Amino acid sequence: MTDTLDSPDFDLEIDASGLKCPLPILRAKKALAQLQSGQVLKVITTDAHAVRDFQAFAKQTGNVLQAQHQAGASAVHFLVRR
């Protein structure tokens, strides 16, 4: 997990703040389906388990988890569509 302020460029952003698992992952999956291969999705979450969930999601789906930033109770995830 990266704690740097440098964030990758992204093509689509979704805000899943306030949603509990599995809703942030389901929203991300739906959003990724709208993107072309190589495009980047930014997902904002507040679920305490989201960092681990998105790592597992990326591994299972073959999408690249380009970066994750956590600040307090929220986290930002950058996924590259395979």
N, C-alpha and C. Protein backbone atom coordinates (compact mmCIF):
# COMPACT_ATOMS: atom_id res chain seq x y z
N MET A 1 0.84 -1.18 0.00
CA MET A 1 0.00 0.00 0.00
C MET A 1 0.88 1.23 0.00
N THR A 2 0.53 2.19 -0.82
CA THR A 2 1.31 3.40 -0.97
C THR A 2 0.72 4.51 -0.11
N ASP A 3 1.57 5.26 0.54
CA ASP A 3 1.09 6.40 1.33
C ASP A 3 1.62 7.70 0.75
N THR A 4 1.88 7.74 -0.51
CA THR A 4 2.39 8.94 -1.15
C THR A 4 1.23 9.79 -1.66
N LEU A 5 1.48 11.06 -1.84
CA LEU A 5 0.45 11.96 -2.33
C LEU A 5 0.34 11.93 -3.84
N ASP A 6 1.31 11.28 -4.51
CA ASP A 6 1.26 11.17 -5.96
C ASP A 6 0.19 10.17 -6.36
N SER A 7 -0.84 10.65 -7.01
CA SER A 7 -1.92 9.79 -7.45
C SER A 7 -1.86 9.61 -8.95
N PRO A 8 -2.13 8.40 -9.41
CA PRO A 8 -2.13 8.15 -10.85
C PRO A 8 -3.27 8.92 -11.54
N ASP A 9 -3.10 9.18 -12.82
CA ASP A 9 -4.21 9.73 -13.61
C ASP A 9 -5.28 8.65 -13.69
N PHE A 10 -6.54 9.06 -13.80
CA PHE A 10 -7.63 8.10 -13.87
C PHE A 10 -8.65 8.55 -14.91
N ASP A 11 -9.41 7.58 -15.40
CA ASP A 11 -10.41 7.83 -16.44
C ASP A 11 -11.82 7.91 -15.88
N LEU A 12 -12.07 7.26 -14.75
CA LEU A 12 -13.40 7.23 -14.15
C LEU A 12 -13.24 7.16 -12.65
N GLU A 13 -14.10 7.87 -11.93
CA GLU A 13 -14.05 7.86 -10.46
C GLU A 13 -15.42 7.45 -9.92
N ILE A 14 -15.41 6.58 -8.92
CA ILE A 14 -16.66 6.27 -8.22
C ILE A 14 -16.42 6.48 -6.72
N ASP A 15 -17.45 6.95 -6.06
CA ASP A 15 -17.38 7.19 -4.62
C ASP A 15 -18.25 6.15 -3.92
N ALA A 16 -17.59 5.22 -3.25
CA ALA A 16 -18.30 4.17 -2.52
C ALA A 16 -18.23 4.43 -1.02
N SER A 17 -18.04 5.68 -0.65
CA SER A 17 -17.98 6.05 0.77
C SER A 17 -19.29 5.68 1.46
N GLY A 18 -19.17 5.15 2.67
CA GLY A 18 -20.34 4.78 3.44
C GLY A 18 -20.90 3.41 3.12
N LEU A 19 -20.38 2.77 2.08
CA LEU A 19 -20.86 1.44 1.70
C LEU A 19 -19.99 0.37 2.33
N LYS A 20 -20.60 -0.70 2.76
CA LYS A 20 -19.88 -1.84 3.35
C LYS A 20 -19.73 -2.95 2.32
N CYS A 21 -18.74 -3.79 2.53
CA CYS A 21 -18.49 -4.94 1.67
C CYS A 21 -19.77 -5.77 1.55
N PRO A 22 -20.11 -6.21 0.37
CA PRO A 22 -19.36 -6.23 -0.88
C PRO A 22 -19.69 -5.08 -1.83
N LEU A 23 -20.46 -4.09 -1.40
CA LEU A 23 -20.92 -3.05 -2.32
C LEU A 23 -19.80 -2.25 -3.00
N PRO A 24 -18.72 -1.85 -2.31
CA PRO A 24 -17.67 -1.13 -3.04
C PRO A 24 -17.05 -1.97 -4.17
N ILE A 25 -16.87 -3.26 -3.92
CA ILE A 25 -16.32 -4.15 -4.96
C ILE A 25 -17.32 -4.30 -6.11
N LEU A 26 -18.58 -4.45 -5.80
CA LEU A 26 -19.59 -4.59 -6.86
C LEU A 26 -19.67 -3.32 -7.71
N ARG A 27 -19.60 -2.16 -7.08
CA ARG A 27 -19.61 -0.90 -7.83
C ARG A 27 -18.36 -0.79 -8.71
N ALA A 28 -17.23 -1.21 -8.18
CA ALA A 28 -15.98 -1.16 -8.95
C ALA A 28 -16.06 -2.10 -10.15
N LYS A 29 -16.59 -3.29 -9.93
CA LYS A 29 -16.72 -4.26 -11.02
C LYS A 29 -17.60 -3.71 -12.15
N LYS A 30 -18.71 -3.09 -11.78
CA LYS A 30 -19.61 -2.50 -12.76
C LYS A 30 -18.92 -1.35 -13.52
N ALA A 31 -18.19 -0.52 -12.80
CA ALA A 31 -17.50 0.61 -13.42
C ALA A 31 -16.38 0.14 -14.35
N LEU A 32 -15.64 -0.88 -13.93
CA LEU A 32 -14.56 -1.41 -14.78
C LEU A 32 -15.11 -1.92 -16.11
N ALA A 33 -16.32 -2.46 -16.10
CA ALA A 33 -16.93 -2.97 -17.33
C ALA A 33 -17.17 -1.85 -18.35
N GLN A 34 -17.25 -0.62 -17.89
CA GLN A 34 -17.46 0.53 -18.77
C GLN A 34 -16.16 1.03 -19.40
N LEU A 35 -15.03 0.60 -18.85
CA LEU A 35 -13.73 1.10 -19.30
C LEU A 35 -13.11 0.20 -20.36
N GLN A 36 -12.21 0.79 -21.12
CA GLN A 36 -11.43 0.04 -22.10
C GLN A 36 -10.20 -0.52 -21.39
N SER A 37 -9.59 -1.53 -21.98
CA SER A 37 -8.37 -2.12 -21.43
C SER A 37 -7.30 -1.03 -21.26
N GLY A 38 -6.66 -1.01 -20.10
CA GLY A 38 -5.62 -0.04 -19.83
C GLY A 38 -6.10 1.25 -19.16
N GLN A 39 -7.42 1.47 -19.14
CA GLN A 39 -7.93 2.66 -18.47
C GLN A 39 -7.95 2.44 -16.96
N VAL A 40 -7.96 3.55 -16.22
CA VAL A 40 -7.82 3.50 -14.76
C VAL A 40 -9.10 3.96 -14.07
N LEU A 41 -9.50 3.19 -13.07
CA LEU A 41 -10.66 3.49 -12.24
C LEU A 41 -10.18 3.92 -10.86
N LYS A 42 -10.70 5.04 -10.37
CA LYS A 42 -10.42 5.50 -9.01
C LYS A 42 -11.66 5.20 -8.16
N VAL A 43 -11.45 4.53 -7.02
CA VAL A 43 -12.56 4.19 -6.12
C VAL A 43 -12.25 4.76 -4.74
N ILE A 44 -13.20 5.51 -4.19
CA ILE A 44 -13.07 6.07 -2.85
C ILE A 44 -13.94 5.22 -1.92
N THR A 45 -13.34 4.76 -0.81
CA THR A 45 -14.07 3.90 0.13
C THR A 45 -13.85 4.35 1.57
N THR A 46 -14.76 3.92 2.44
CA THR A 46 -14.60 4.16 3.88
C THR A 46 -14.71 2.85 4.68
N ASP A 47 -14.98 1.75 4.02
CA ASP A 47 -15.08 0.45 4.69
C ASP A 47 -13.69 0.05 5.21
N ALA A 48 -13.63 -0.32 6.47
CA ALA A 48 -12.35 -0.67 7.10
C ALA A 48 -11.64 -1.83 6.40
N HIS A 49 -12.38 -2.69 5.72
CA HIS A 49 -11.78 -3.85 5.06
C HIS A 49 -11.49 -3.63 3.58
N ALA A 50 -11.78 -2.44 3.08
CA ALA A 50 -11.68 -2.19 1.63
C ALA A 50 -10.27 -2.36 1.08
N VAL A 51 -9.25 -1.96 1.84
CA VAL A 51 -7.88 -2.09 1.34
C VAL A 51 -7.59 -3.55 1.03
N ARG A 52 -7.86 -4.42 1.97
CA ARG A 52 -7.63 -5.86 1.78
C ARG A 52 -8.55 -6.41 0.70
N ASP A 53 -9.81 -5.97 0.69
CA ASP A 53 -10.78 -6.45 -0.30
C ASP A 53 -10.34 -6.12 -1.72
N PHE A 54 -9.86 -4.89 -1.94
CA PHE A 54 -9.45 -4.51 -3.29
C PHE A 54 -8.17 -5.21 -3.73
N GLN A 55 -7.30 -5.53 -2.78
CA GLN A 55 -6.11 -6.32 -3.11
C GLN A 55 -6.52 -7.71 -3.59
N ALA A 56 -7.45 -8.32 -2.89
CA ALA A 56 -7.94 -9.65 -3.28
C ALA A 56 -8.70 -9.59 -4.59
N PHE A 57 -9.53 -8.57 -4.77
CA PHE A 57 -10.30 -8.40 -6.01
C PHE A 57 -9.37 -8.28 -7.22
N ALA A 58 -8.33 -7.49 -7.09
CA ALA A 58 -7.38 -7.32 -8.20
C ALA A 58 -6.71 -8.66 -8.53
N LYS A 59 -6.31 -9.38 -7.51
CA LYS A 59 -5.64 -10.66 -7.72
C LYS A 59 -6.58 -11.67 -8.40
N GLN A 60 -7.83 -11.69 -7.99
CA GLN A 60 -8.80 -12.65 -8.52
C GLN A 60 -9.23 -12.33 -9.94
N THR A 61 -9.31 -11.03 -10.28
CA THR A 61 -9.84 -10.63 -11.58
C THR A 61 -8.78 -10.37 -12.63
N GLY A 62 -7.53 -10.21 -12.22
CA GLY A 62 -6.47 -9.90 -13.18
C GLY A 62 -6.34 -8.42 -13.49
N ASN A 63 -7.19 -7.59 -12.87
CA ASN A 63 -7.03 -6.14 -13.00
C ASN A 63 -5.87 -5.72 -12.10
N VAL A 64 -5.11 -4.72 -12.52
CA VAL A 64 -3.94 -4.29 -11.76
C VAL A 64 -4.34 -3.25 -10.73
N LEU A 65 -3.95 -3.47 -9.48
CA LEU A 65 -4.14 -2.48 -8.43
C LEU A 65 -2.91 -1.58 -8.48
N GLN A 66 -3.06 -0.45 -9.17
CA GLN A 66 -1.93 0.43 -9.44
C GLN A 66 -1.44 1.15 -8.18
N ALA A 67 -2.37 1.55 -7.32
CA ALA A 67 -1.99 2.26 -6.09
C ALA A 67 -3.16 2.23 -5.12
N GLN A 68 -2.83 2.37 -3.85
CA GLN A 68 -3.83 2.53 -2.79
C GLN A 68 -3.29 3.59 -1.84
N HIS A 69 -4.15 4.51 -1.44
CA HIS A 69 -3.78 5.55 -0.48
C HIS A 69 -4.81 5.51 0.64
N GLN A 70 -4.32 5.54 1.87
CA GLN A 70 -5.24 5.55 2.99
C GLN A 70 -4.99 6.81 3.81
N ALA A 71 -6.07 7.50 4.15
CA ALA A 71 -6.00 8.71 4.98
C ALA A 71 -7.13 8.63 5.99
N GLY A 72 -6.77 8.34 7.22
CA GLY A 72 -7.79 8.21 8.26
C GLY A 72 -8.73 7.06 7.97
N ALA A 73 -10.02 7.35 7.96
CA ALA A 73 -11.03 6.31 7.76
C ALA A 73 -11.32 6.03 6.29
N SER A 74 -10.75 6.82 5.39
CA SER A 74 -11.05 6.58 3.97
C SER A 74 -9.81 6.08 3.22
N ALA A 75 -10.08 5.44 2.11
CA ALA A 75 -9.00 4.92 1.26
C ALA A 75 -9.37 5.18 -0.19
N VAL A 76 -8.35 5.33 -1.02
CA VAL A 76 -8.54 5.52 -2.46
C VAL A 76 -7.78 4.40 -3.16
N HIS A 77 -8.43 3.77 -4.12
CA HIS A 77 -7.86 2.64 -4.84
C HIS A 77 -7.84 2.98 -6.33
N PHE A 78 -6.75 2.64 -7.01
CA PHE A 78 -6.63 2.86 -8.44
C PHE A 78 -6.46 1.52 -9.12
N LEU A 79 -7.45 1.12 -9.93
CA LEU A 79 -7.43 -0.15 -10.63
C LEU A 79 -7.28 0.08 -12.13
N VAL A 80 -6.41 -0.70 -12.76
CA VAL A 80 -6.23 -0.63 -14.21
C VAL A 80 -6.97 -1.81 -14.81
N ARG A 81 -7.89 -1.51 -15.73
CA ARG A 81 -8.66 -2.59 -16.36
C ARG A 81 -7.75 -3.45 -17.22
N ARG A 82 -7.91 -4.76 -17.08
CA ARG A 82 -7.09 -5.69 -17.87
C ARG A 82 -7.57 -5.72 -19.29
